N, C-alpha and C. Protein backbone atom coordinates (compact mmCIF):
# COMPACT_ATOMS: atom_id res chain seq x y z
N MET A 1 -7.04 22.60 -155.42
CA MET A 1 -7.20 21.81 -154.20
C MET A 1 -8.64 22.49 -154.04
N PRO A 2 -8.98 21.31 -153.09
CA PRO A 2 -10.72 21.79 -152.30
C PRO A 2 -10.36 22.03 -151.61
N GLU A 3 -10.86 23.25 -150.33
CA GLU A 3 -11.00 23.18 -148.65
C GLU A 3 -12.36 23.57 -148.45
N PHE A 4 -12.20 22.71 -147.09
CA PHE A 4 -13.24 23.00 -146.53
C PHE A 4 -13.28 23.49 -145.43
N LYS A 5 -14.37 23.80 -144.62
CA LYS A 5 -14.79 23.72 -143.39
C LYS A 5 -15.80 23.23 -142.91
N VAL A 6 -15.14 22.07 -141.95
CA VAL A 6 -15.65 20.78 -141.63
C VAL A 6 -16.33 21.69 -139.99
N VAL A 7 -17.53 21.79 -139.54
CA VAL A 7 -18.25 22.11 -138.86
C VAL A 7 -18.01 20.09 -137.58
N VAL A 8 -17.32 20.04 -136.72
CA VAL A 8 -17.60 18.37 -136.54
C VAL A 8 -18.94 18.48 -134.46
N ASN A 9 -20.12 17.90 -135.03
CA ASN A 9 -20.44 17.95 -133.45
C ASN A 9 -20.23 16.51 -133.12
N ASP A 10 -20.03 16.92 -131.63
CA ASP A 10 -19.71 15.88 -130.14
C ASP A 10 -20.88 15.76 -129.74
N PRO A 11 -21.82 14.77 -130.49
CA PRO A 11 -23.16 14.19 -129.27
C PRO A 11 -22.11 13.71 -127.83
N GLU A 12 -21.71 13.28 -128.02
CA GLU A 12 -20.94 12.77 -126.83
C GLU A 12 -20.50 13.65 -125.87
N ALA A 13 -21.05 14.52 -126.03
CA ALA A 13 -20.31 16.05 -125.08
C ALA A 13 -21.19 16.07 -124.29
N GLY A 14 -22.26 15.99 -124.25
CA GLY A 14 -23.29 16.51 -123.38
C GLY A 14 -23.39 17.92 -122.52
N GLU A 15 -24.01 18.12 -121.87
CA GLU A 15 -24.26 19.53 -121.21
C GLU A 15 -23.27 19.97 -120.82
N PRO A 16 -22.37 20.97 -121.23
CA PRO A 16 -21.10 21.76 -120.41
C PRO A 16 -20.98 21.25 -119.18
N ARG A 17 -19.69 20.85 -119.13
CA ARG A 17 -19.26 21.22 -117.30
C ARG A 17 -17.94 21.84 -116.69
N PRO A 18 -18.32 23.36 -117.29
CA PRO A 18 -17.12 23.72 -116.67
C PRO A 18 -16.15 23.72 -115.76
N VAL A 19 -14.86 23.60 -115.81
CA VAL A 19 -13.88 23.54 -114.44
C VAL A 19 -13.15 25.21 -114.52
N TRP A 20 -13.25 25.56 -113.17
CA TRP A 20 -12.52 27.05 -113.50
C TRP A 20 -11.06 26.94 -113.46
N VAL A 21 -10.07 27.21 -114.18
CA VAL A 21 -8.91 27.33 -114.39
C VAL A 21 -8.16 28.70 -114.38
N ARG A 22 -6.76 28.84 -113.75
CA ARG A 22 -6.12 29.44 -113.98
C ARG A 22 -5.56 29.53 -115.43
N VAL A 23 -5.21 30.23 -116.14
CA VAL A 23 -5.23 30.39 -117.51
C VAL A 23 -4.27 31.25 -117.81
N VAL A 24 -2.71 30.12 -118.25
CA VAL A 24 -1.17 31.15 -118.21
C VAL A 24 -0.89 31.07 -120.10
N GLY A 25 -0.05 32.14 -120.14
CA GLY A 25 0.15 32.18 -121.30
C GLY A 25 1.62 32.29 -121.39
N VAL A 26 2.34 31.09 -122.00
CA VAL A 26 3.62 30.66 -122.25
C VAL A 26 3.70 30.25 -123.86
N GLU A 27 5.66 30.73 -123.72
CA GLU A 27 5.52 30.53 -125.08
C GLU A 27 6.47 29.01 -125.63
N SER A 28 6.34 28.30 -124.92
CA SER A 28 6.22 26.69 -125.06
C SER A 28 6.28 26.12 -123.94
N VAL A 29 6.30 24.74 -124.22
CA VAL A 29 6.00 23.58 -123.14
C VAL A 29 6.91 22.51 -123.47
N GLY A 30 8.04 22.45 -122.76
CA GLY A 30 9.22 21.85 -122.98
C GLY A 30 9.77 21.86 -124.20
N ASP A 31 9.78 21.06 -125.25
CA ASP A 31 10.34 21.05 -126.41
C ASP A 31 8.95 22.14 -127.55
N ALA A 32 7.66 22.29 -127.12
CA ALA A 32 6.96 22.40 -128.09
C ALA A 32 6.26 23.66 -128.06
N LYS A 33 6.35 24.60 -129.29
CA LYS A 33 6.38 26.20 -128.95
C LYS A 33 5.01 26.46 -129.16
N LEU A 34 4.38 27.52 -128.62
CA LEU A 34 2.78 27.51 -128.47
C LEU A 34 2.90 28.97 -129.34
N GLU A 35 2.22 28.49 -130.63
CA GLU A 35 1.99 29.72 -131.36
C GLU A 35 0.77 30.07 -131.27
N PHE A 36 0.44 31.52 -132.54
CA PHE A 36 -0.41 31.90 -132.49
C PHE A 36 -0.17 32.64 -133.55
N THR A 37 -0.76 31.91 -134.97
CA THR A 37 -0.07 32.99 -135.93
C THR A 37 -1.65 33.38 -136.52
N VAL A 38 -1.56 34.08 -138.09
CA VAL A 38 -2.72 34.37 -139.21
C VAL A 38 -3.58 33.31 -139.12
N ASP A 39 -3.83 31.98 -139.35
CA ASP A 39 -3.85 30.86 -139.35
C ASP A 39 -5.26 30.83 -138.41
N HIS A 40 -4.32 31.04 -137.37
CA HIS A 40 -5.34 31.02 -135.71
C HIS A 40 -6.24 31.97 -135.72
N LYS A 41 -6.14 33.50 -136.24
CA LYS A 41 -7.00 34.21 -136.22
C LYS A 41 -7.69 34.66 -137.00
N GLU A 42 -7.02 34.06 -138.11
CA GLU A 42 -8.74 34.12 -139.08
C GLU A 42 -9.39 31.89 -138.86
N LYS A 43 -8.74 31.57 -137.62
CA LYS A 43 -9.56 30.13 -137.42
C LYS A 43 -9.53 29.18 -138.81
N LYS A 44 -8.35 29.41 -139.59
CA LYS A 44 -8.28 28.12 -140.01
C LYS A 44 -7.11 27.13 -139.50
N LYS A 45 -7.31 27.71 -138.36
CA LYS A 45 -6.53 26.18 -137.19
C LYS A 45 -6.55 27.02 -136.16
N ILE A 46 -6.92 25.41 -135.84
CA ILE A 46 -6.86 25.67 -133.73
C ILE A 46 -5.72 25.77 -132.88
N PRO A 47 -5.81 26.80 -132.45
CA PRO A 47 -3.99 26.53 -131.24
C PRO A 47 -4.31 25.70 -130.78
N VAL A 48 -3.21 25.20 -130.07
CA VAL A 48 -2.51 24.23 -128.71
C VAL A 48 -2.92 24.76 -127.56
N ALA A 49 -3.21 24.19 -126.77
CA ALA A 49 -2.78 24.85 -125.51
C ALA A 49 -2.31 23.18 -124.96
N TYR A 50 -1.74 23.27 -123.00
CA TYR A 50 -1.18 22.44 -122.77
C TYR A 50 -1.79 22.02 -121.20
N ALA A 51 -1.94 21.02 -120.91
CA ALA A 51 -2.46 21.05 -119.23
C ALA A 51 -2.77 19.79 -118.61
N ASN A 52 -2.26 19.64 -117.63
CA ASN A 52 -2.51 18.22 -116.83
C ASN A 52 -3.16 17.04 -117.47
N PRO A 53 -2.82 16.07 -117.39
CA PRO A 53 -3.55 14.77 -117.90
C PRO A 53 -4.99 14.54 -116.76
N GLU A 54 -4.72 15.01 -115.12
CA GLU A 54 -5.92 15.40 -114.25
C GLU A 54 -6.79 15.83 -114.75
N LEU A 55 -6.72 17.36 -115.36
CA LEU A 55 -7.39 18.40 -115.80
C LEU A 55 -8.14 17.70 -116.90
N LEU A 56 -7.62 17.13 -117.71
CA LEU A 56 -8.08 16.41 -119.42
C LEU A 56 -9.28 15.02 -118.66
N LYS A 57 -8.80 14.30 -117.83
CA LYS A 57 -9.90 13.60 -117.18
C LYS A 57 -11.01 13.86 -116.36
N LYS A 58 -10.25 14.81 -115.77
CA LYS A 58 -11.93 15.52 -115.22
C LYS A 58 -13.05 16.28 -116.42
N LEU A 59 -12.05 16.20 -117.19
CA LEU A 59 -13.24 17.11 -118.65
C LEU A 59 -13.53 16.45 -119.28
N ASN A 60 -13.19 15.38 -118.95
CA ASN A 60 -14.16 13.66 -120.13
C ASN A 60 -13.73 14.36 -121.36
N THR A 61 -12.82 14.90 -122.54
CA THR A 61 -12.54 15.27 -123.85
C THR A 61 -11.24 13.86 -124.24
N PRO A 62 -11.84 13.50 -124.53
CA PRO A 62 -10.99 11.96 -125.00
C PRO A 62 -10.26 12.76 -126.34
N TYR A 63 -11.21 13.75 -127.10
CA TYR A 63 -10.32 14.00 -128.24
C TYR A 63 -9.60 15.33 -128.20
N GLY A 64 -9.70 15.54 -127.38
CA GLY A 64 -8.76 16.82 -126.64
C GLY A 64 -9.52 18.17 -127.32
N TYR A 65 -10.93 18.31 -127.13
CA TYR A 65 -11.22 19.67 -128.38
C TYR A 65 -11.94 19.98 -126.80
N VAL A 66 -11.75 21.20 -126.51
CA VAL A 66 -12.35 22.24 -125.27
C VAL A 66 -13.01 23.71 -125.71
N THR A 67 -13.28 24.02 -125.69
CA THR A 67 -13.94 25.83 -125.15
C THR A 67 -13.17 26.48 -123.61
N LEU A 68 -12.14 27.32 -123.74
CA LEU A 68 -11.32 28.20 -122.71
C LEU A 68 -13.05 29.12 -123.13
N ARG A 69 -14.20 29.57 -121.86
CA ARG A 69 -14.79 31.25 -122.18
C ARG A 69 -14.08 31.29 -120.83
N ILE A 70 -13.94 33.13 -121.50
CA ILE A 70 -12.97 34.08 -120.08
C ILE A 70 -14.38 35.48 -120.06
N TRP A 71 -14.78 35.37 -118.90
CA TRP A 71 -15.65 36.66 -119.23
C TRP A 71 -15.12 37.89 -118.95
N LYS A 72 -15.20 39.10 -119.75
CA LYS A 72 -14.92 40.10 -119.51
C LYS A 72 -15.38 41.23 -118.81
N ASP A 73 -17.02 40.71 -119.23
CA ASP A 73 -17.93 41.55 -118.15
C ASP A 73 -19.36 40.57 -117.83
N ARG A 74 -19.17 39.64 -116.70
CA ARG A 74 -20.74 38.85 -116.62
C ARG A 74 -21.34 39.49 -116.55
N ALA A 75 -21.34 40.61 -115.52
CA ALA A 75 -22.79 41.17 -115.36
C ALA A 75 -22.93 41.40 -116.78
N ALA A 76 -22.18 42.02 -117.65
CA ALA A 76 -23.09 42.23 -119.17
C ALA A 76 -23.04 41.19 -120.13
N GLY A 77 -22.67 40.47 -119.61
CA GLY A 77 -22.78 38.75 -119.92
C GLY A 77 -21.84 38.63 -120.90
N GLU A 78 -20.95 39.81 -121.16
CA GLU A 78 -19.74 39.62 -122.32
C GLU A 78 -18.28 38.84 -121.84
N LYS A 79 -18.47 38.04 -123.13
CA LYS A 79 -17.51 36.62 -122.37
C LYS A 79 -16.75 36.21 -124.08
N LEU A 80 -15.81 35.98 -124.01
CA LEU A 80 -14.86 35.24 -125.09
C LEU A 80 -14.74 33.67 -124.90
N ASN A 81 -15.20 33.21 -125.89
CA ASN A 81 -14.62 31.57 -126.09
C ASN A 81 -14.00 31.22 -127.10
N ILE A 82 -13.56 30.82 -126.57
CA ILE A 82 -12.03 30.15 -128.00
C ILE A 82 -11.48 28.71 -127.84
N THR A 83 -11.95 28.12 -128.99
CA THR A 83 -11.64 26.67 -129.13
C THR A 83 -9.83 25.85 -128.84
N LEU A 84 -9.77 24.94 -128.44
CA LEU A 84 -8.64 24.56 -128.09
C LEU A 84 -7.98 23.12 -127.96
N LYS A 85 -7.33 23.15 -128.91
CA LYS A 85 -6.90 21.51 -129.28
C LYS A 85 -5.87 21.26 -127.72
N VAL A 86 -6.11 20.27 -126.67
CA VAL A 86 -5.47 20.59 -125.64
C VAL A 86 -4.40 18.90 -125.71
N MET A 87 -3.36 18.89 -125.35
CA MET A 87 -2.18 18.02 -124.74
C MET A 87 -2.30 18.00 -123.79
N PRO A 88 -2.06 16.84 -123.56
CA PRO A 88 -1.36 16.48 -121.83
C PRO A 88 -0.12 16.67 -121.53
N SER A 89 0.70 17.38 -120.41
CA SER A 89 1.65 17.34 -119.81
C SER A 89 1.30 17.26 -118.49
N GLU A 90 2.41 16.72 -117.66
CA GLU A 90 2.34 16.50 -115.97
C GLU A 90 3.39 17.39 -115.99
N GLU A 91 3.94 17.88 -116.22
CA GLU A 91 4.48 19.25 -115.80
C GLU A 91 3.88 21.04 -115.39
N ILE A 92 2.06 20.77 -115.43
CA ILE A 92 1.71 21.51 -115.44
C ILE A 92 0.80 21.31 -114.19
N PRO A 93 0.69 22.60 -112.98
CA PRO A 93 0.03 21.57 -112.12
C PRO A 93 -1.76 21.55 -112.54
N PRO A 94 -2.58 20.58 -111.86
CA PRO A 94 -3.70 20.09 -112.38
C PRO A 94 -4.81 21.40 -112.30
N GLU A 95 -4.85 22.56 -111.76
CA GLU A 95 -5.54 23.38 -111.18
C GLU A 95 -5.48 24.68 -112.76
N GLU A 96 -4.71 24.56 -114.03
CA GLU A 96 -3.90 25.13 -114.72
C GLU A 96 -4.12 24.72 -116.21
N LEU A 97 -4.31 25.86 -117.14
CA LEU A 97 -4.34 25.76 -118.61
C LEU A 97 -3.09 26.55 -119.63
N HIS A 98 -2.50 26.12 -119.57
CA HIS A 98 -0.74 26.69 -120.24
C HIS A 98 -1.66 27.04 -121.82
N VAL A 99 -1.74 27.91 -122.77
CA VAL A 99 -1.80 28.52 -123.59
C VAL A 99 -0.84 29.43 -124.59
N PRO A 100 -1.34 29.46 -126.45
CA PRO A 100 0.12 30.74 -126.18
C PRO A 100 -0.11 31.91 -125.67
N LYS A 101 1.12 32.55 -125.41
CA LYS A 101 0.99 33.72 -124.85
C LYS A 101 0.95 35.18 -125.65
N ALA A 102 1.13 34.91 -126.92
CA ALA A 102 0.55 35.81 -127.84
C ALA A 102 -0.91 35.72 -128.08
N MET A 103 -1.62 34.62 -128.02
CA MET A 103 -2.63 34.85 -128.36
C MET A 103 -3.94 35.36 -127.01
N LEU A 104 -3.76 35.07 -125.51
CA LEU A 104 -3.87 36.33 -124.45
C LEU A 104 -3.30 37.32 -124.70
N GLU A 105 -2.15 38.08 -125.16
CA GLU A 105 -2.16 39.15 -125.37
C GLU A 105 -2.81 39.85 -126.73
N GLU A 106 -2.97 39.27 -127.32
CA GLU A 106 -3.28 39.30 -128.48
C GLU A 106 -5.03 39.79 -128.62
N LEU A 107 -5.49 38.69 -127.68
CA LEU A 107 -7.13 39.37 -127.18
C LEU A 107 -7.67 39.78 -126.18
N LEU A 108 -6.94 39.59 -124.85
CA LEU A 108 -7.21 40.18 -123.78
C LEU A 108 -6.15 41.01 -123.73
N GLY A 109 -5.02 40.98 -124.11
CA GLY A 109 -3.65 42.04 -123.27
C GLY A 109 -3.24 41.82 -122.17
N VAL A 110 -3.35 40.50 -121.85
CA VAL A 110 -2.72 40.32 -120.50
C VAL A 110 -2.46 38.91 -120.86
N GLU A 111 -0.95 38.42 -119.43
CA GLU A 111 -0.48 37.43 -119.43
C GLU A 111 -1.45 36.10 -119.05
N ARG A 112 -1.83 36.60 -118.12
CA ARG A 112 -2.74 35.98 -117.23
C ARG A 112 -3.96 35.63 -116.59
N THR A 113 -4.42 35.07 -116.44
CA THR A 113 -6.29 35.23 -116.14
C THR A 113 -7.07 33.99 -115.76
N VAL A 114 -8.60 34.30 -115.61
CA VAL A 114 -8.76 33.08 -115.36
C VAL A 114 -9.63 32.72 -116.05
N GLY A 115 -10.21 31.51 -116.19
CA GLY A 115 -11.20 31.05 -117.50
C GLY A 115 -12.19 30.01 -116.52
N GLU A 116 -13.20 29.82 -117.60
CA GLU A 116 -14.39 28.71 -117.26
C GLU A 116 -13.27 27.40 -118.77
N VAL A 117 -13.25 25.93 -118.70
CA VAL A 117 -13.03 25.58 -119.55
C VAL A 117 -13.60 23.84 -119.53
N PHE A 118 -14.33 23.57 -120.56
CA PHE A 118 -15.38 22.28 -121.04
C PHE A 118 -15.42 21.67 -122.18
N ARG A 119 -15.25 20.84 -122.34
CA ARG A 119 -15.78 19.64 -123.02
C ARG A 119 -16.45 20.33 -124.65
N SER A 120 -15.55 20.48 -126.15
CA SER A 120 -16.65 21.36 -126.95
C SER A 120 -17.59 20.33 -127.03
N LYS A 121 -18.72 20.93 -127.34
CA LYS A 121 -20.12 20.26 -127.78
C LYS A 121 -19.52 20.03 -129.74
N SER A 122 -18.89 21.53 -129.78
CA SER A 122 -18.55 21.42 -131.63
C SER A 122 -17.70 22.16 -131.42
N PHE A 123 -16.68 22.10 -132.96
CA PHE A 123 -15.38 22.44 -133.15
C PHE A 123 -15.63 22.75 -134.69
N GLN A 124 -14.74 23.63 -135.13
CA GLN A 124 -14.42 23.76 -136.61
C GLN A 124 -13.19 23.75 -137.24
N ILE A 125 -12.73 23.12 -138.50
CA ILE A 125 -10.96 22.38 -138.19
C ILE A 125 -11.39 22.59 -139.66
N LEU A 126 -10.37 23.57 -140.93
CA LEU A 126 -9.96 23.77 -142.04
C LEU A 126 -9.53 22.66 -142.79
N VAL A 127 -10.12 21.70 -143.45
CA VAL A 127 -9.64 20.12 -144.04
C VAL A 127 -9.17 20.91 -145.83
N SER A 128 -8.13 20.70 -145.99
CA SER A 128 -7.65 21.10 -147.30
C SER A 128 -6.82 19.48 -147.99
N GLY A 129 -6.54 19.87 -149.44
CA GLY A 129 -5.90 18.80 -149.46
C GLY A 129 -6.61 18.05 -149.72
N LYS A 130 -5.52 16.60 -149.64
CA LYS A 130 -6.32 14.79 -149.76
C LYS A 130 -7.42 14.91 -148.95
N ASN A 131 -6.75 15.27 -147.61
CA ASN A 131 -8.41 14.98 -146.64
C ASN A 131 -9.53 15.53 -147.31
N ALA A 132 -9.50 16.64 -147.71
CA ALA A 132 -10.53 17.35 -148.09
C ALA A 132 -11.09 17.14 -149.48
N GLU A 133 -10.13 15.66 -150.45
CA GLU A 133 -10.65 15.11 -151.78
C GLU A 133 -11.77 14.06 -151.15
N ILE A 134 -11.57 13.50 -150.19
CA ILE A 134 -11.98 12.55 -149.77
C ILE A 134 -13.67 12.48 -149.45
N PHE A 135 -13.86 14.03 -149.17
CA PHE A 135 -15.72 14.63 -149.55
C PHE A 135 -16.44 14.30 -150.28
N ILE A 136 -15.08 14.81 -151.67
CA ILE A 136 -16.01 15.36 -153.06
C ILE A 136 -16.65 14.21 -153.44
N GLY A 137 -17.95 14.25 -153.86
CA GLY A 137 -18.92 13.08 -154.53
C GLY A 137 -19.87 12.65 -152.76
N LYS A 138 -19.61 12.73 -151.59
CA LYS A 138 -20.12 12.94 -150.74
C LYS A 138 -21.47 12.79 -150.62
N ARG A 139 -22.49 11.76 -149.97
CA ARG A 139 -23.75 12.61 -149.95
C ARG A 139 -24.02 12.81 -148.31
N ILE A 140 -25.32 13.88 -148.35
CA ILE A 140 -25.59 13.70 -146.74
C ILE A 140 -26.19 12.48 -145.82
N GLY A 141 -25.55 11.84 -144.64
CA GLY A 141 -25.95 11.18 -144.62
C GLY A 141 -24.67 9.67 -144.93
N GLU A 142 -23.62 9.89 -146.03
CA GLU A 142 -22.58 9.37 -145.61
C GLU A 142 -21.26 9.44 -145.28
N LYS A 143 -20.50 8.47 -144.36
CA LYS A 143 -19.57 8.62 -143.59
C LYS A 143 -18.35 8.86 -144.43
N VAL A 144 -17.60 9.70 -143.65
CA VAL A 144 -15.80 9.50 -143.93
C VAL A 144 -15.13 9.67 -142.72
N PRO A 145 -13.79 8.68 -142.62
CA PRO A 145 -13.20 8.55 -141.63
C PRO A 145 -12.73 9.99 -140.89
N ALA A 146 -13.04 9.98 -139.74
CA ALA A 146 -13.23 11.13 -138.45
C ALA A 146 -11.18 11.37 -138.61
N ASP A 147 -10.22 10.37 -139.36
CA ASP A 147 -8.84 10.85 -138.79
C ASP A 147 -8.26 11.92 -139.82
N VAL A 148 -9.60 12.53 -140.76
CA VAL A 148 -8.99 13.63 -141.96
C VAL A 148 -9.35 14.98 -140.74
N VAL A 149 -9.78 14.78 -140.07
CA VAL A 149 -9.84 15.85 -138.30
C VAL A 149 -8.74 15.73 -137.44
N GLY A 150 -8.31 14.93 -137.19
CA GLY A 150 -7.47 14.42 -136.88
C GLY A 150 -8.05 13.83 -135.49
N ILE A 151 -8.85 13.12 -135.30
CA ILE A 151 -9.45 11.87 -134.10
C ILE A 151 -9.54 10.70 -135.01
N GLN A 152 -8.91 9.66 -134.39
CA GLN A 152 -8.29 8.05 -134.97
C GLN A 152 -9.72 7.42 -134.05
N GLY A 153 -10.37 6.47 -134.86
CA GLY A 153 -11.05 5.67 -134.43
C GLY A 153 -12.67 5.57 -134.71
N LYS A 154 -13.13 6.48 -135.03
CA LYS A 154 -14.23 6.81 -135.05
C LYS A 154 -14.52 7.50 -136.90
N GLU A 155 -15.68 7.86 -137.15
CA GLU A 155 -16.04 8.15 -138.27
C GLU A 155 -17.20 9.82 -138.40
N LEU A 156 -17.38 10.49 -139.24
CA LEU A 156 -18.09 11.66 -139.76
C LEU A 156 -19.50 11.38 -140.07
N LEU A 157 -20.38 11.08 -140.22
CA LEU A 157 -21.51 11.62 -140.44
C LEU A 157 -21.92 12.87 -140.58
N ILE A 158 -22.16 13.00 -142.49
CA ILE A 158 -22.06 14.55 -143.13
C ILE A 158 -23.23 14.83 -142.85
N THR A 159 -23.90 15.64 -142.27
CA THR A 159 -25.38 15.97 -141.84
C THR A 159 -26.04 17.29 -143.20
N GLY A 160 -24.63 18.16 -143.89
CA GLY A 160 -25.17 19.21 -144.16
C GLY A 160 -23.69 19.75 -145.02
N GLY A 161 -24.14 21.15 -144.92
CA GLY A 161 -23.37 22.09 -145.61
C GLY A 161 -23.91 23.64 -146.23
N SER A 162 -23.44 24.09 -146.73
CA SER A 162 -23.47 25.44 -147.96
C SER A 162 -22.52 25.58 -148.52
N ASP A 163 -22.92 26.35 -149.40
CA ASP A 163 -21.74 27.44 -150.51
C ASP A 163 -21.59 28.55 -149.40
N LEU A 164 -20.62 29.33 -150.89
CA LEU A 164 -19.81 30.52 -150.34
C LEU A 164 -21.15 31.55 -150.22
N THR A 165 -22.58 31.73 -151.13
CA THR A 165 -23.65 32.70 -150.64
C THR A 165 -24.27 31.92 -149.54
N GLY A 166 -24.17 30.88 -148.56
CA GLY A 166 -25.06 30.77 -147.75
C GLY A 166 -26.02 29.83 -148.14
N ALA A 167 -26.17 29.11 -149.63
CA ALA A 167 -27.09 28.17 -149.74
C ALA A 167 -26.93 26.96 -149.29
N PRO A 168 -28.05 26.10 -148.78
CA PRO A 168 -27.94 25.40 -147.78
C PRO A 168 -28.21 24.17 -148.49
N MET A 169 -26.98 22.33 -148.34
CA MET A 169 -27.41 21.18 -149.06
C MET A 169 -28.61 21.08 -148.29
N LEU A 170 -29.40 20.15 -149.13
CA LEU A 170 -30.77 19.23 -149.07
C LEU A 170 -30.83 17.74 -149.25
N PRO A 171 -30.85 16.77 -148.38
CA PRO A 171 -31.25 15.76 -148.73
C PRO A 171 -31.83 15.03 -149.70
N SER A 172 -33.32 16.40 -150.24
CA SER A 172 -34.04 15.37 -150.52
C SER A 172 -33.29 16.02 -152.20
N VAL A 173 -32.55 17.19 -152.35
CA VAL A 173 -32.24 17.78 -153.85
C VAL A 173 -31.28 16.75 -154.07
N HIS A 174 -31.37 15.79 -154.82
CA HIS A 174 -30.18 14.68 -154.87
C HIS A 174 -29.39 15.60 -156.56
N GLY A 175 -28.29 14.88 -156.11
CA GLY A 175 -26.53 15.51 -157.04
C GLY A 175 -26.31 16.32 -156.71
N PRO A 176 -25.54 16.67 -157.36
CA PRO A 176 -24.39 18.52 -157.35
C PRO A 176 -25.38 19.13 -158.14
N VAL A 177 -26.60 19.67 -157.43
CA VAL A 177 -27.09 20.51 -158.46
C VAL A 177 -26.94 21.50 -157.65
N LYS A 178 -27.55 22.80 -158.17
CA LYS A 178 -28.36 24.04 -158.03
C LYS A 178 -29.07 24.88 -157.87
N LYS A 179 -30.19 24.95 -157.26
CA LYS A 179 -31.36 25.28 -158.42
C LYS A 179 -32.54 25.76 -157.03
N TYR A 180 -33.50 26.36 -157.34
CA TYR A 180 -34.92 26.97 -156.46
C TYR A 180 -35.53 26.22 -156.66
N ILE A 181 -35.86 25.86 -155.09
CA ILE A 181 -36.94 25.25 -154.74
C ILE A 181 -37.80 25.83 -153.87
N LEU A 182 -39.19 25.51 -153.93
CA LEU A 182 -39.87 26.15 -152.79
C LEU A 182 -39.75 25.43 -151.02
N LEU A 183 -39.99 25.82 -150.38
CA LEU A 183 -39.72 25.66 -148.80
C LEU A 183 -41.00 26.28 -148.42
N SER A 184 -40.78 25.30 -146.97
CA SER A 184 -41.80 25.26 -146.04
C SER A 184 -41.25 25.59 -144.33
N GLY A 185 -39.87 25.44 -144.81
CA GLY A 185 -39.37 25.23 -143.55
C GLY A 185 -37.69 24.91 -143.48
N PRO A 186 -37.25 25.12 -142.25
CA PRO A 186 -35.70 24.79 -142.54
C PRO A 186 -35.09 23.37 -143.28
N PRO A 187 -33.75 23.28 -143.63
CA PRO A 187 -33.06 24.34 -143.75
C PRO A 187 -33.47 25.06 -144.97
N GLY A 188 -32.66 25.98 -145.12
CA GLY A 188 -32.98 27.21 -146.13
C GLY A 188 -34.31 28.26 -146.47
N PHE A 189 -35.41 27.92 -144.76
CA PHE A 189 -36.08 29.18 -144.71
C PHE A 189 -36.75 28.54 -143.05
N HIS A 190 -36.89 29.69 -143.05
CA HIS A 190 -37.69 30.19 -141.55
C HIS A 190 -39.04 30.77 -141.62
N PRO A 191 -40.52 29.93 -141.78
CA PRO A 191 -41.00 31.05 -141.91
C PRO A 191 -41.22 31.80 -141.10
N ARG A 192 -41.60 32.79 -140.87
CA ARG A 192 -42.88 33.70 -139.91
C ARG A 192 -44.12 33.98 -139.65
N ARG A 193 -44.61 33.15 -140.49
CA ARG A 193 -46.09 33.18 -140.53
C ARG A 193 -46.60 31.47 -140.30
N LYS A 194 -47.55 31.45 -140.09
CA LYS A 194 -47.85 29.77 -140.39
C LYS A 194 -48.02 29.54 -142.09
N GLY A 195 -47.61 28.21 -142.60
CA GLY A 195 -48.14 28.11 -143.81
C GLY A 195 -46.91 29.04 -144.90
N GLU A 196 -46.34 29.48 -144.22
CA GLU A 196 -45.68 30.05 -145.46
C GLU A 196 -44.44 29.69 -146.40
N ARG A 197 -44.53 29.94 -147.56
CA ARG A 197 -43.50 29.26 -148.21
C ARG A 197 -42.44 30.28 -149.08
N ARG A 198 -41.35 29.97 -149.06
CA ARG A 198 -41.03 30.75 -150.40
C ARG A 198 -40.20 29.94 -151.47
N ARG A 199 -39.67 30.66 -152.48
CA ARG A 199 -38.64 29.75 -153.19
C ARG A 199 -37.52 30.59 -152.74
N LYS A 200 -36.16 29.62 -152.54
CA LYS A 200 -35.37 29.58 -151.88
C LYS A 200 -34.63 28.66 -153.03
N LEU A 201 -33.21 29.31 -153.38
CA LEU A 201 -32.20 29.10 -153.72
C LEU A 201 -31.27 27.56 -153.30
N VAL A 202 -30.79 26.51 -153.10
CA VAL A 202 -30.77 25.61 -152.47
C VAL A 202 -29.20 24.54 -153.28
N ARG A 203 -28.15 24.07 -152.19
CA ARG A 203 -27.65 22.63 -153.19
C ARG A 203 -28.47 21.51 -152.80
N GLY A 204 -27.68 21.25 -153.87
CA GLY A 204 -28.03 19.23 -153.69
C GLY A 204 -27.80 18.65 -152.44
N ASN A 205 -27.44 16.76 -152.74
CA ASN A 205 -27.20 16.35 -151.50
C ASN A 205 -25.94 16.33 -151.38
N THR A 206 -25.16 16.27 -152.87
CA THR A 206 -23.95 16.13 -153.12
C THR A 206 -22.41 17.34 -152.64
N ILE A 207 -21.57 16.90 -152.49
CA ILE A 207 -20.60 17.64 -151.58
C ILE A 207 -19.80 18.02 -153.58
N THR A 208 -19.38 19.07 -153.17
CA THR A 208 -18.94 19.34 -154.86
C THR A 208 -17.72 20.16 -154.64
N GLU A 209 -16.58 21.08 -154.59
CA GLU A 209 -15.76 22.21 -154.19
C GLU A 209 -16.18 23.37 -154.32
N GLU A 210 -17.99 23.71 -154.68
CA GLU A 210 -18.48 24.84 -154.24
C GLU A 210 -18.64 24.67 -153.32
N ILE A 211 -18.66 23.83 -152.30
CA ILE A 211 -19.44 24.05 -151.23
C ILE A 211 -18.38 24.31 -150.39
N VAL A 212 -18.87 25.21 -149.21
CA VAL A 212 -17.27 26.07 -148.39
C VAL A 212 -17.49 25.29 -146.90
N GLN A 213 -18.63 24.92 -146.64
CA GLN A 213 -18.77 24.67 -145.32
C GLN A 213 -19.66 23.19 -145.30
N ILE A 214 -18.92 22.21 -144.50
CA ILE A 214 -19.70 21.03 -144.07
C ILE A 214 -19.87 20.20 -143.31
N ASN A 215 -21.12 20.36 -142.57
CA ASN A 215 -21.80 19.67 -140.65
C ASN A 215 -21.62 18.48 -140.91
N THR A 216 -20.97 17.82 -140.08
CA THR A 216 -20.45 15.92 -139.93
C THR A 216 -21.55 16.19 -138.07
N LYS A 217 -21.01 15.09 -137.97
CA LYS A 217 -21.42 14.18 -136.27
C LYS A 217 -20.42 13.21 -136.59
N LEU A 218 -20.15 12.93 -135.28
CA LEU A 218 -19.48 12.20 -134.77
C LEU A 218 -19.94 10.78 -134.72
N VAL A 219 -19.82 9.72 -135.19
CA VAL A 219 -19.91 8.28 -134.93
C VAL A 219 -19.10 7.50 -134.44
C-alpha cells in the first residue's frame, strides 16, 4: 500500500500572529486521552491538544492546525516548534493550551511551561491506504479532496514532490519517469554562479509509489 508525507501549505495563514499561552501537560481532557506515541515522535501523526474556543477564534485557525513555539534560550535563538491539531473545549481557560503530558516530559522534562502559539503556515501529515491511493497517477497542477488530510470542504493543489533520494518532481518532465536533465535553476538545482547549469536526476510530473513527499496547497 502506498504511503506519502503530504506537506500542506495554508496560503490564508498569512504572517504569524503569536499569542502567549500557559502550556499545561495533561493525560486527558474529558473522555479524550492525549497521547504521545512513537508515531508522534517520528512525525507520522500530529499530536492532539485542546484549547478554549475563544483562543481558537483569536488564532483564526479554522482547520485547527497550530504551531506551538517554546523558547529554550531566546538570547541564543534556541527554540522548539511543535505542530498540533487543536480541538475546542469550554473547560479550558482561554489563556491555556492543554497538550499531552508525555510530550512535554519527553521534549522538555517539564509538565508546565509558557509558549507562543499561532496558526500554522504549513504542516505535514502521513497519508496511507485508500487516502494515499487517491494521489497515484495525479500530476502537478491537479487537485485532490482535502479530506484525505482531515480538512472538509477544500481541495489540495499538488505543487510538487520528491522521492526517497531527494530527486524532485518537475512539472516540465511529463509522465511517471526518472531521468537526468540539464538544469539551470530550482527545483532540483541552485546555481552558485550566474549561468551555471548542471545535469541532475529528476522525477516526472506524475505521482507514483516511488514518491515519498508530496507538496500541496489548500485551495
